[in-house]
Amino acid sequence: MKKQGWVLFIFLVLLGCATPGQKFIDISYTADHEKTQTGSMGLAPFKDNRADRNGGYVGYRVLMDRSQETYFVQGMNLADTLNKAVGDYFEQTGFEVIPMAPWELSPNGVKDSLGGLKQIVAGQINKFECRAKKKGATTDMVLDIDLTLFIGKAANGNELKTIPVSLTLERTEMTFTPGKLEHFVNQSMEEVIQKALKQ
């Protein structure tokens, strides 16, 4: 009887860990690296162009019964979250990051908005989705990212640099937890930010 009770208890615990509905993860930039820059940088709000998605949507996991857990970012605003992550990256490199209003994404927009700033940055989210699905004894996680980053500089006659970022990242885990999904997304975003914005 005791053995049956333990089996039932473990089954209920596992069932409770895999229930459909909304789940939340934190996305942040936490890497620590050497400061190589100086001066002030303006950071405009990011724009979420995903017309078919809630602003906080991150992705989903398909459960064994084919129902889904849907994942959202804490705060329910992915644009603000990625904006902060990019700002944290620039602060790590040594810039003083100053929030600013949206600016026109053109050389003239750069000229009109720079002021005394060393550079200005804006971004757009075109696609961002992480999918997790059990496959045999493992769980596959796939992250699709499509971002466009814009950097304006006073050098070379008010230069506007457009940086498209479009890639698919994959990881396989023996067991799935929301923490592993969170770690995968954060590690992927840190790599994307560092490669895309390296000065």
N, C-alpha and C. Protein backbone atom coordinates (compact mmCIF):
# COMPACT_ATOMS: atom_id res chain seq x y z
N MET A 1 0.83 -1.21 0.00
CA MET A 1 0.00 0.00 0.00
C MET A 1 0.87 1.26 0.00
N LYS A 2 1.94 1.21 0.80
CA LYS A 2 2.83 2.36 0.84
C LYS A 2 3.49 2.60 -0.51
N LYS A 3 3.91 1.49 -1.15
CA LYS A 3 4.55 1.60 -2.45
C LYS A 3 3.60 2.22 -3.47
N GLN A 4 2.34 1.78 -3.45
CA GLN A 4 1.35 2.33 -4.37
C GLN A 4 1.13 3.82 -4.10
N GLY A 5 1.16 4.18 -2.82
CA GLY A 5 1.00 5.59 -2.45
C GLY A 5 2.13 6.44 -2.99
N TRP A 6 3.36 5.95 -2.89
CA TRP A 6 4.52 6.69 -3.41
C TRP A 6 4.44 6.82 -4.93
N VAL A 7 4.04 5.75 -5.59
CA VAL A 7 3.90 5.80 -7.05
C VAL A 7 2.87 6.85 -7.45
N LEU A 8 1.74 6.87 -6.76
CA LEU A 8 0.70 7.86 -7.04
C LEU A 8 1.21 9.27 -6.77
N PHE A 9 1.96 9.45 -5.67
CA PHE A 9 2.50 10.76 -5.32
C PHE A 9 3.46 11.26 -6.41
N ILE A 10 4.38 10.38 -6.85
CA ILE A 10 5.34 10.76 -7.89
C ILE A 10 4.62 11.09 -9.18
N PHE A 11 3.60 10.29 -9.52
CA PHE A 11 2.83 10.56 -10.73
C PHE A 11 2.16 11.93 -10.67
N LEU A 12 1.57 12.26 -9.54
CA LEU A 12 0.91 13.56 -9.39
C LEU A 12 1.89 14.71 -9.45
N VAL A 13 3.09 14.51 -8.86
CA VAL A 13 4.12 15.56 -8.92
C VAL A 13 4.54 15.80 -10.37
N LEU A 14 4.79 14.71 -11.11
CA LEU A 14 5.18 14.84 -12.51
C LEU A 14 4.07 15.47 -13.33
N LEU A 15 2.85 15.08 -13.04
CA LEU A 15 1.71 15.65 -13.75
C LEU A 15 1.59 17.15 -13.47
N GLY A 16 1.86 17.54 -12.21
CA GLY A 16 1.79 18.94 -11.85
C GLY A 16 2.86 19.78 -12.49
N CYS A 17 4.00 19.13 -12.84
CA CYS A 17 5.10 19.85 -13.47
C CYS A 17 4.88 20.03 -14.96
N ALA A 18 3.93 19.34 -15.52
CA ALA A 18 3.70 19.40 -16.96
C ALA A 18 2.22 19.61 -17.22
N THR A 19 1.74 20.78 -16.91
CA THR A 19 0.34 21.12 -17.12
C THR A 19 0.24 22.23 -18.15
N PRO A 20 -0.75 22.15 -19.04
CA PRO A 20 -0.88 23.20 -20.05
C PRO A 20 -1.24 24.52 -19.39
N GLY A 21 -0.94 25.61 -20.12
CA GLY A 21 -1.26 26.93 -19.60
C GLY A 21 -0.08 27.87 -19.78
N GLN A 22 -0.17 29.03 -19.13
CA GLN A 22 0.86 30.06 -19.27
C GLN A 22 1.99 29.84 -18.27
N LYS A 23 3.23 29.99 -18.77
CA LYS A 23 4.43 29.93 -17.95
C LYS A 23 5.26 31.18 -18.25
N PHE A 24 6.12 31.56 -17.31
CA PHE A 24 6.90 32.79 -17.48
C PHE A 24 8.38 32.52 -17.27
N ILE A 25 9.22 33.19 -18.08
CA ILE A 25 10.67 33.10 -17.91
C ILE A 25 11.26 34.51 -17.89
N ASP A 26 12.45 34.62 -17.31
CA ASP A 26 13.20 35.88 -17.29
C ASP A 26 14.19 35.85 -18.45
N ILE A 27 14.26 36.95 -19.19
CA ILE A 27 15.28 37.10 -20.22
C ILE A 27 16.12 38.31 -19.85
N SER A 28 17.43 38.11 -19.73
CA SER A 28 18.31 39.20 -19.34
C SER A 28 19.72 38.97 -19.87
N TYR A 29 20.50 40.04 -19.91
CA TYR A 29 21.90 39.94 -20.32
C TYR A 29 22.75 39.98 -19.06
N THR A 30 23.45 38.90 -18.78
CA THR A 30 24.20 38.81 -17.52
C THR A 30 25.70 38.58 -17.74
N ALA A 31 26.14 38.51 -18.99
CA ALA A 31 27.57 38.28 -19.26
C ALA A 31 28.40 39.45 -18.73
N ASP A 32 29.59 39.14 -18.30
CA ASP A 32 30.51 40.15 -17.76
C ASP A 32 31.76 40.17 -18.63
N HIS A 33 32.10 41.34 -19.17
CA HIS A 33 33.29 41.40 -20.00
C HIS A 33 33.99 42.75 -19.85
N GLU A 34 35.14 42.84 -20.47
CA GLU A 34 36.01 44.01 -20.31
C GLU A 34 35.40 45.26 -20.92
N LYS A 35 35.56 46.39 -20.24
CA LYS A 35 35.07 47.67 -20.77
C LYS A 35 36.09 48.21 -21.77
N THR A 36 35.63 48.37 -23.01
CA THR A 36 36.53 48.83 -24.08
C THR A 36 36.05 50.12 -24.73
N GLN A 37 34.91 50.67 -24.29
CA GLN A 37 34.33 51.87 -24.90
C GLN A 37 34.18 52.97 -23.86
N THR A 38 34.04 54.19 -24.36
CA THR A 38 33.76 55.35 -23.50
C THR A 38 32.72 56.23 -24.19
N GLY A 39 32.14 57.13 -23.42
CA GLY A 39 31.18 58.07 -23.99
C GLY A 39 29.75 57.65 -23.74
N SER A 40 28.81 58.46 -24.28
CA SER A 40 27.39 58.25 -24.07
C SER A 40 26.74 57.68 -25.33
N MET A 41 25.79 56.78 -25.12
CA MET A 41 25.07 56.15 -26.21
C MET A 41 23.58 56.26 -25.96
N GLY A 42 22.84 56.68 -26.97
CA GLY A 42 21.38 56.77 -26.84
C GLY A 42 20.71 55.48 -27.27
N LEU A 43 19.76 55.02 -26.47
CA LEU A 43 19.04 53.78 -26.76
C LEU A 43 17.55 54.06 -26.87
N ALA A 44 17.01 53.89 -28.09
CA ALA A 44 15.59 54.12 -28.33
C ALA A 44 14.79 52.86 -28.03
N PRO A 45 13.49 52.99 -27.76
CA PRO A 45 12.66 51.80 -27.52
C PRO A 45 12.67 50.87 -28.72
N PHE A 46 12.65 49.57 -28.45
CA PHE A 46 12.56 48.58 -29.53
C PHE A 46 11.10 48.47 -29.97
N LYS A 47 10.91 48.09 -31.23
CA LYS A 47 9.57 47.91 -31.78
C LYS A 47 9.32 46.43 -32.04
N ASP A 48 8.18 45.93 -31.61
CA ASP A 48 7.80 44.53 -31.83
C ASP A 48 6.91 44.47 -33.07
N ASN A 49 7.45 43.92 -34.16
CA ASN A 49 6.70 43.83 -35.42
C ASN A 49 5.92 42.53 -35.57
N ARG A 50 5.86 41.72 -34.52
CA ARG A 50 5.14 40.43 -34.61
C ARG A 50 3.64 40.69 -34.47
N ALA A 51 2.99 40.97 -35.57
CA ALA A 51 1.57 41.35 -35.53
C ALA A 51 0.67 40.22 -35.05
N ASP A 52 1.12 38.98 -35.22
CA ASP A 52 0.27 37.84 -34.87
C ASP A 52 0.58 37.30 -33.47
N ARG A 53 1.39 38.02 -32.69
CA ARG A 53 1.78 37.51 -31.39
C ARG A 53 1.54 38.54 -30.28
N ASN A 54 1.18 38.02 -29.09
CA ASN A 54 1.11 38.86 -27.90
C ASN A 54 2.49 39.43 -27.62
N GLY A 55 2.56 40.65 -27.11
CA GLY A 55 3.84 41.32 -26.88
C GLY A 55 4.77 40.62 -25.92
N GLY A 56 4.24 39.72 -25.09
CA GLY A 56 5.09 39.01 -24.16
C GLY A 56 5.40 37.58 -24.57
N TYR A 57 4.87 37.15 -25.70
CA TYR A 57 5.01 35.76 -26.14
C TYR A 57 6.46 35.41 -26.44
N VAL A 58 6.90 34.23 -25.95
CA VAL A 58 8.26 33.74 -26.19
C VAL A 58 8.22 32.41 -26.95
N GLY A 59 7.29 31.51 -26.61
CA GLY A 59 7.25 30.22 -27.29
C GLY A 59 6.34 29.23 -26.59
N TYR A 60 6.54 27.95 -26.89
CA TYR A 60 5.65 26.93 -26.32
C TYR A 60 6.38 25.60 -26.21
N ARG A 61 5.79 24.71 -25.41
CA ARG A 61 6.25 23.33 -25.32
C ARG A 61 5.06 22.41 -25.53
N VAL A 62 5.23 21.41 -26.39
CA VAL A 62 4.18 20.41 -26.63
C VAL A 62 4.32 19.31 -25.58
N LEU A 63 3.23 19.03 -24.85
CA LEU A 63 3.24 18.01 -23.80
C LEU A 63 2.90 16.64 -24.38
N MET A 64 3.04 15.62 -23.54
CA MET A 64 2.82 14.24 -24.00
C MET A 64 1.41 14.02 -24.54
N ASP A 65 0.42 14.72 -23.96
CA ASP A 65 -0.96 14.55 -24.42
C ASP A 65 -1.31 15.51 -25.57
N ARG A 66 -0.27 16.17 -26.13
CA ARG A 66 -0.38 17.10 -27.25
C ARG A 66 -0.98 18.45 -26.88
N SER A 67 -1.22 18.66 -25.59
CA SER A 67 -1.58 20.00 -25.16
C SER A 67 -0.29 20.83 -25.09
N GLN A 68 -0.41 22.12 -24.77
CA GLN A 68 0.77 22.98 -24.82
C GLN A 68 0.91 23.83 -23.56
N GLU A 69 2.16 24.05 -23.17
CA GLU A 69 2.52 25.12 -22.24
C GLU A 69 2.94 26.30 -23.11
N THR A 70 2.41 27.48 -22.83
CA THR A 70 2.79 28.67 -23.57
C THR A 70 3.68 29.54 -22.68
N TYR A 71 4.81 29.96 -23.23
CA TYR A 71 5.80 30.72 -22.44
C TYR A 71 5.79 32.20 -22.82
N PHE A 72 5.83 33.02 -21.76
CA PHE A 72 5.87 34.47 -21.91
C PHE A 72 7.05 35.01 -21.11
N VAL A 73 7.51 36.20 -21.50
CA VAL A 73 8.58 36.84 -20.75
C VAL A 73 7.96 37.55 -19.54
N GLN A 74 8.70 37.55 -18.44
CA GLN A 74 8.25 38.31 -17.26
C GLN A 74 8.04 39.77 -17.66
N GLY A 75 6.93 40.36 -17.23
CA GLY A 75 6.62 41.74 -17.60
C GLY A 75 5.78 41.85 -18.86
N MET A 76 5.64 40.74 -19.60
CA MET A 76 4.77 40.65 -20.78
C MET A 76 5.10 41.68 -21.87
N ASN A 77 6.41 42.03 -21.99
CA ASN A 77 6.81 42.98 -23.04
C ASN A 77 8.19 42.59 -23.54
N LEU A 78 8.23 41.79 -24.61
CA LEU A 78 9.51 41.31 -25.12
C LEU A 78 10.36 42.44 -25.68
N ALA A 79 9.73 43.44 -26.31
CA ALA A 79 10.48 44.57 -26.87
C ALA A 79 11.25 45.30 -25.78
N ASP A 80 10.59 45.60 -24.65
CA ASP A 80 11.26 46.27 -23.54
C ASP A 80 12.37 45.39 -22.96
N THR A 81 12.12 44.08 -22.89
CA THR A 81 13.10 43.16 -22.32
C THR A 81 14.37 43.09 -23.17
N LEU A 82 14.22 42.97 -24.50
CA LEU A 82 15.39 42.91 -25.37
C LEU A 82 16.09 44.27 -25.44
N ASN A 83 15.32 45.34 -25.35
CA ASN A 83 15.90 46.67 -25.29
C ASN A 83 16.82 46.80 -24.08
N LYS A 84 16.36 46.32 -22.93
CA LYS A 84 17.16 46.38 -21.72
C LYS A 84 18.40 45.49 -21.84
N ALA A 85 18.24 44.31 -22.45
CA ALA A 85 19.38 43.41 -22.63
C ALA A 85 20.46 44.05 -23.48
N VAL A 86 20.06 44.74 -24.56
CA VAL A 86 21.03 45.43 -25.41
C VAL A 86 21.69 46.58 -24.65
N GLY A 87 20.89 47.31 -23.87
CA GLY A 87 21.45 48.39 -23.05
C GLY A 87 22.45 47.86 -22.03
N ASP A 88 22.14 46.73 -21.42
CA ASP A 88 23.06 46.13 -20.45
C ASP A 88 24.36 45.70 -21.12
N TYR A 89 24.25 45.20 -22.36
CA TYR A 89 25.47 44.83 -23.10
C TYR A 89 26.35 46.06 -23.30
N PHE A 90 25.75 47.17 -23.77
CA PHE A 90 26.55 48.37 -24.02
C PHE A 90 27.15 48.94 -22.74
N GLU A 91 26.41 48.84 -21.63
CA GLU A 91 26.97 49.29 -20.35
C GLU A 91 28.18 48.43 -19.97
N GLN A 92 28.09 47.12 -20.23
CA GLN A 92 29.22 46.23 -19.94
C GLN A 92 30.44 46.61 -20.78
N THR A 93 30.24 47.14 -21.99
CA THR A 93 31.37 47.52 -22.83
C THR A 93 31.96 48.87 -22.42
N GLY A 94 31.25 49.60 -21.55
CA GLY A 94 31.80 50.86 -21.04
C GLY A 94 30.99 52.10 -21.37
N PHE A 95 29.96 51.99 -22.21
CA PHE A 95 29.15 53.15 -22.55
C PHE A 95 28.26 53.58 -21.38
N GLU A 96 27.97 54.86 -21.32
CA GLU A 96 26.87 55.35 -20.49
C GLU A 96 25.63 55.31 -21.38
N VAL A 97 24.66 54.50 -21.01
CA VAL A 97 23.47 54.32 -21.84
C VAL A 97 22.37 55.28 -21.41
N ILE A 98 21.87 56.06 -22.37
CA ILE A 98 20.86 57.08 -22.08
C ILE A 98 19.59 56.76 -22.88
N PRO A 99 18.46 56.50 -22.21
CA PRO A 99 17.21 56.27 -22.94
C PRO A 99 16.83 57.49 -23.78
N MET A 100 16.31 57.25 -24.96
CA MET A 100 15.92 58.35 -25.83
C MET A 100 14.65 57.99 -26.59
N ALA A 101 14.04 59.01 -27.21
CA ALA A 101 12.81 58.79 -27.99
C ALA A 101 13.15 58.06 -29.29
N PRO A 102 12.16 57.42 -29.92
CA PRO A 102 12.41 56.81 -31.23
C PRO A 102 12.94 57.84 -32.21
N TRP A 103 13.82 57.41 -33.09
CA TRP A 103 14.40 58.31 -34.08
C TRP A 103 14.19 57.75 -35.48
N GLU A 104 14.19 58.65 -36.46
CA GLU A 104 14.00 58.25 -37.85
C GLU A 104 15.19 57.42 -38.30
N LEU A 105 14.92 56.26 -38.86
CA LEU A 105 15.97 55.31 -39.24
C LEU A 105 16.53 55.67 -40.61
N SER A 106 17.28 56.78 -40.66
CA SER A 106 17.89 57.28 -41.88
C SER A 106 19.11 58.12 -41.49
N PRO A 107 20.01 58.39 -42.43
CA PRO A 107 21.15 59.27 -42.10
C PRO A 107 20.71 60.62 -41.55
N ASN A 108 19.62 61.18 -42.11
CA ASN A 108 19.11 62.45 -41.59
C ASN A 108 18.58 62.28 -40.18
N GLY A 109 17.94 61.13 -39.92
CA GLY A 109 17.47 60.85 -38.57
C GLY A 109 18.62 60.76 -37.59
N VAL A 110 19.72 60.16 -38.02
CA VAL A 110 20.92 60.09 -37.18
C VAL A 110 21.43 61.49 -36.88
N LYS A 111 21.52 62.31 -37.92
CA LYS A 111 22.02 63.68 -37.77
C LYS A 111 21.15 64.47 -36.79
N ASP A 112 19.84 64.33 -36.91
CA ASP A 112 18.93 65.11 -36.07
C ASP A 112 18.88 64.62 -34.63
N SER A 113 19.28 63.36 -34.39
CA SER A 113 19.08 62.77 -33.07
C SER A 113 20.34 62.57 -32.25
N LEU A 114 21.50 62.63 -32.89
CA LEU A 114 22.74 62.34 -32.16
C LEU A 114 23.02 63.30 -31.02
N GLY A 115 22.87 64.62 -31.29
CA GLY A 115 23.24 65.58 -30.26
C GLY A 115 24.70 65.39 -29.90
N GLY A 116 24.96 65.24 -28.61
CA GLY A 116 26.34 65.01 -28.17
C GLY A 116 26.66 63.55 -27.93
N LEU A 117 25.78 62.66 -28.36
CA LEU A 117 25.99 61.23 -28.12
C LEU A 117 27.01 60.65 -29.10
N LYS A 118 27.73 59.65 -28.65
CA LYS A 118 28.71 58.99 -29.51
C LYS A 118 28.02 58.16 -30.58
N GLN A 119 26.91 57.52 -30.19
CA GLN A 119 26.12 56.76 -31.15
C GLN A 119 24.71 56.56 -30.60
N ILE A 120 23.79 56.18 -31.49
CA ILE A 120 22.42 55.90 -31.07
C ILE A 120 22.02 54.53 -31.62
N VAL A 121 21.13 53.87 -30.90
CA VAL A 121 20.76 52.49 -31.24
C VAL A 121 19.24 52.34 -31.17
N ALA A 122 18.69 51.54 -32.10
CA ALA A 122 17.28 51.18 -32.10
C ALA A 122 17.18 49.73 -32.57
N GLY A 123 16.02 49.13 -32.40
CA GLY A 123 15.86 47.73 -32.81
C GLY A 123 14.42 47.37 -33.11
N GLN A 124 14.25 46.33 -33.92
CA GLN A 124 12.93 45.81 -34.25
C GLN A 124 12.94 44.30 -34.11
N ILE A 125 11.84 43.75 -33.56
CA ILE A 125 11.67 42.30 -33.47
C ILE A 125 10.76 41.87 -34.60
N ASN A 126 11.28 41.05 -35.50
CA ASN A 126 10.49 40.55 -36.62
C ASN A 126 9.93 39.15 -36.31
N LYS A 127 10.74 38.34 -35.63
CA LYS A 127 10.29 37.02 -35.20
C LYS A 127 11.10 36.61 -33.98
N PHE A 128 10.42 35.99 -33.03
CA PHE A 128 11.09 35.47 -31.82
C PHE A 128 10.20 34.37 -31.28
N GLU A 129 10.66 33.13 -31.39
CA GLU A 129 9.85 32.02 -30.90
C GLU A 129 10.73 30.83 -30.55
N CYS A 130 10.49 30.29 -29.37
CA CYS A 130 11.18 29.07 -28.94
C CYS A 130 10.16 27.94 -28.85
N ARG A 131 10.51 26.80 -29.46
CA ARG A 131 9.61 25.64 -29.46
C ARG A 131 10.31 24.46 -28.82
N ALA A 132 9.62 23.77 -27.95
CA ALA A 132 10.18 22.59 -27.28
C ALA A 132 9.23 21.42 -27.49
N LYS A 133 9.80 20.27 -27.82
CA LYS A 133 8.97 19.09 -28.07
C LYS A 133 9.74 17.84 -27.68
N LYS A 134 9.07 16.96 -26.94
CA LYS A 134 9.69 15.71 -26.53
C LYS A 134 9.85 14.80 -27.75
N LYS A 135 11.04 14.21 -27.85
CA LYS A 135 11.34 13.33 -28.97
C LYS A 135 12.06 12.11 -28.41
N GLY A 136 11.31 11.01 -28.22
CA GLY A 136 11.89 9.83 -27.58
C GLY A 136 12.22 10.13 -26.13
N ALA A 137 13.46 9.87 -25.75
CA ALA A 137 13.89 10.10 -24.36
C ALA A 137 14.39 11.52 -24.13
N THR A 138 14.42 12.35 -25.17
CA THR A 138 14.98 13.69 -25.06
C THR A 138 13.94 14.75 -25.44
N THR A 139 14.27 16.00 -25.18
CA THR A 139 13.44 17.13 -25.59
C THR A 139 14.26 18.05 -26.48
N ASP A 140 13.75 18.34 -27.66
CA ASP A 140 14.41 19.26 -28.58
C ASP A 140 13.87 20.66 -28.36
N MET A 141 14.78 21.65 -28.27
CA MET A 141 14.40 23.06 -28.16
C MET A 141 14.96 23.79 -29.36
N VAL A 142 14.11 24.57 -30.02
CA VAL A 142 14.50 25.33 -31.20
C VAL A 142 14.12 26.79 -30.99
N LEU A 143 15.07 27.70 -31.20
CA LEU A 143 14.81 29.13 -31.03
C LEU A 143 15.00 29.83 -32.38
N ASP A 144 13.93 30.42 -32.90
CA ASP A 144 14.00 31.21 -34.13
C ASP A 144 14.06 32.69 -33.76
N ILE A 145 15.09 33.37 -34.24
CA ILE A 145 15.28 34.79 -33.95
C ILE A 145 15.41 35.56 -35.26
N ASP A 146 14.66 36.63 -35.40
CA ASP A 146 14.80 37.53 -36.55
C ASP A 146 14.67 38.95 -36.00
N LEU A 147 15.79 39.62 -35.87
CA LEU A 147 15.84 40.99 -35.35
C LEU A 147 16.51 41.90 -36.37
N THR A 148 16.20 43.18 -36.31
CA THR A 148 16.95 44.18 -37.07
C THR A 148 17.41 45.24 -36.09
N LEU A 149 18.72 45.45 -36.03
CA LEU A 149 19.31 46.45 -35.15
C LEU A 149 19.84 47.61 -35.98
N PHE A 150 19.74 48.82 -35.45
CA PHE A 150 20.16 50.03 -36.16
C PHE A 150 21.12 50.81 -35.27
N ILE A 151 22.27 51.17 -35.82
CA ILE A 151 23.25 51.97 -35.08
C ILE A 151 23.56 53.22 -35.89
N GLY A 152 23.39 54.38 -35.26
CA GLY A 152 23.73 55.64 -35.90
C GLY A 152 24.97 56.25 -35.26
N LYS A 153 25.91 56.72 -36.10
CA LYS A 153 27.15 57.32 -35.61
C LYS A 153 27.41 58.63 -36.35
N ALA A 154 28.11 59.54 -35.66
CA ALA A 154 28.46 60.81 -36.28
C ALA A 154 29.59 60.65 -37.29
N ALA A 155 30.39 59.61 -37.14
CA ALA A 155 31.53 59.41 -38.04
C ALA A 155 31.07 59.16 -39.47
N ASN A 156 31.91 59.55 -40.43
CA ASN A 156 31.64 59.31 -41.85
C ASN A 156 30.32 59.92 -42.32
N GLY A 157 30.03 61.12 -41.87
CA GLY A 157 28.85 61.83 -42.35
C GLY A 157 27.54 61.23 -41.89
N ASN A 158 27.38 61.10 -40.59
CA ASN A 158 26.14 60.60 -40.00
C ASN A 158 25.77 59.22 -40.57
N GLU A 159 26.55 58.26 -40.20
CA GLU A 159 26.41 56.90 -40.71
C GLU A 159 25.27 56.15 -40.03
N LEU A 160 24.47 55.43 -40.80
CA LEU A 160 23.44 54.54 -40.28
C LEU A 160 23.81 53.12 -40.68
N LYS A 161 24.01 52.28 -39.69
CA LYS A 161 24.35 50.88 -39.94
C LYS A 161 23.15 50.01 -39.58
N THR A 162 22.71 49.18 -40.51
CA THR A 162 21.61 48.25 -40.30
C THR A 162 22.17 46.85 -40.13
N ILE A 163 21.81 46.19 -39.03
CA ILE A 163 22.34 44.86 -38.72
C ILE A 163 21.18 43.87 -38.65
N PRO A 164 20.97 43.09 -39.72
CA PRO A 164 19.92 42.05 -39.66
C PRO A 164 20.45 40.82 -38.94
N VAL A 165 19.63 40.26 -38.07
CA VAL A 165 20.00 39.04 -37.34
C VAL A 165 18.89 38.03 -37.55
N SER A 166 19.18 36.98 -38.30
CA SER A 166 18.17 35.95 -38.56
C SER A 166 18.84 34.58 -38.48
N LEU A 167 18.45 33.80 -37.48
CA LEU A 167 19.07 32.50 -37.30
C LEU A 167 18.17 31.58 -36.49
N THR A 168 18.49 30.29 -36.56
CA THR A 168 17.78 29.27 -35.80
C THR A 168 18.80 28.51 -34.96
N LEU A 169 18.55 28.43 -33.66
CA LEU A 169 19.45 27.75 -32.73
C LEU A 169 18.72 26.54 -32.15
N GLU A 170 19.46 25.46 -31.94
CA GLU A 170 18.84 24.22 -31.45
C GLU A 170 19.63 23.65 -30.28
N ARG A 171 18.90 23.00 -29.39
CA ARG A 171 19.53 22.31 -28.26
C ARG A 171 18.67 21.11 -27.87
N THR A 172 19.32 20.03 -27.46
CA THR A 172 18.61 18.83 -27.01
C THR A 172 18.95 18.57 -25.55
N GLU A 173 17.93 18.35 -24.73
CA GLU A 173 18.10 18.08 -23.30
C GLU A 173 17.48 16.72 -22.97
N MET A 174 18.11 16.02 -22.03
CA MET A 174 17.55 14.74 -21.58
C MET A 174 16.23 14.94 -20.86
N THR A 175 16.16 15.97 -20.05
CA THR A 175 14.92 16.31 -19.34
C THR A 175 14.63 17.79 -19.57
N PHE A 176 13.37 18.15 -19.50
CA PHE A 176 12.97 19.54 -19.72
C PHE A 176 12.53 20.18 -18.41
N THR A 177 12.98 21.43 -18.20
CA THR A 177 12.44 22.27 -17.13
C THR A 177 12.34 23.69 -17.67
N PRO A 178 11.44 24.51 -17.11
CA PRO A 178 11.40 25.91 -17.54
C PRO A 178 12.75 26.62 -17.35
N GLY A 179 13.50 26.20 -16.32
CA GLY A 179 14.82 26.79 -16.09
C GLY A 179 15.78 26.50 -17.24
N LYS A 180 15.70 25.29 -17.81
CA LYS A 180 16.56 24.96 -18.94
C LYS A 180 16.17 25.76 -20.18
N LEU A 181 14.87 25.96 -20.37
CA LEU A 181 14.41 26.79 -21.48
C LEU A 181 14.91 28.23 -21.29
N GLU A 182 14.78 28.75 -20.08
CA GLU A 182 15.23 30.10 -19.78
C GLU A 182 16.73 30.24 -20.03
N HIS A 183 17.51 29.26 -19.58
CA HIS A 183 18.97 29.29 -19.78
C HIS A 183 19.32 29.26 -21.27
N PHE A 184 18.62 28.42 -22.03
CA PHE A 184 18.85 28.31 -23.47
C PHE A 184 18.58 29.64 -24.17
N VAL A 185 17.45 30.27 -23.85
CA VAL A 185 17.09 31.55 -24.47
C VAL A 185 18.10 32.63 -24.09
N ASN A 186 18.46 32.71 -22.80
CA ASN A 186 19.40 33.74 -22.36
C ASN A 186 20.78 33.55 -22.96
N GLN A 187 21.27 32.33 -22.96
CA GLN A 187 22.59 32.07 -23.54
C GLN A 187 22.60 32.39 -25.03
N SER A 188 21.53 32.02 -25.71
CA SER A 188 21.43 32.32 -27.15
C SER A 188 21.40 33.81 -27.40
N MET A 189 20.61 34.55 -26.61
CA MET A 189 20.52 35.99 -26.80
C MET A 189 21.85 36.68 -26.51
N GLU A 190 22.57 36.23 -25.50
CA GLU A 190 23.88 36.82 -25.21
C GLU A 190 24.83 36.64 -26.38
N GLU A 191 24.84 35.45 -26.97
CA GLU A 191 25.70 35.19 -28.12
C GLU A 191 25.30 36.06 -29.32
N VAL A 192 23.99 36.18 -29.55
CA VAL A 192 23.50 36.99 -30.67
C VAL A 192 23.88 38.45 -30.49
N ILE A 193 23.65 38.99 -29.29
CA ILE A 193 23.95 40.39 -29.03
C ILE A 193 25.44 40.67 -29.19
N GLN A 194 26.27 39.81 -28.62
CA GLN A 194 27.71 40.02 -28.69
C GLN A 194 28.22 39.98 -30.13
N LYS A 195 27.76 39.02 -30.91
CA LYS A 195 28.23 38.91 -32.30
C LYS A 195 27.71 40.05 -33.18
N ALA A 196 26.45 40.44 -32.95
CA ALA A 196 25.84 41.47 -33.80
C ALA A 196 26.37 42.87 -33.50
N LEU A 197 26.68 43.14 -32.23
CA LEU A 197 27.00 44.51 -31.82
C LEU A 197 28.46 44.72 -31.45
N LYS A 198 29.28 43.72 -31.65
CA LYS A 198 30.71 43.88 -31.33
C LYS A 198 31.29 45.04 -32.11
N GLN A 199 31.94 45.97 -31.41
CA GLN A 199 32.46 47.20 -32.03
C GLN A 199 33.78 46.92 -32.76
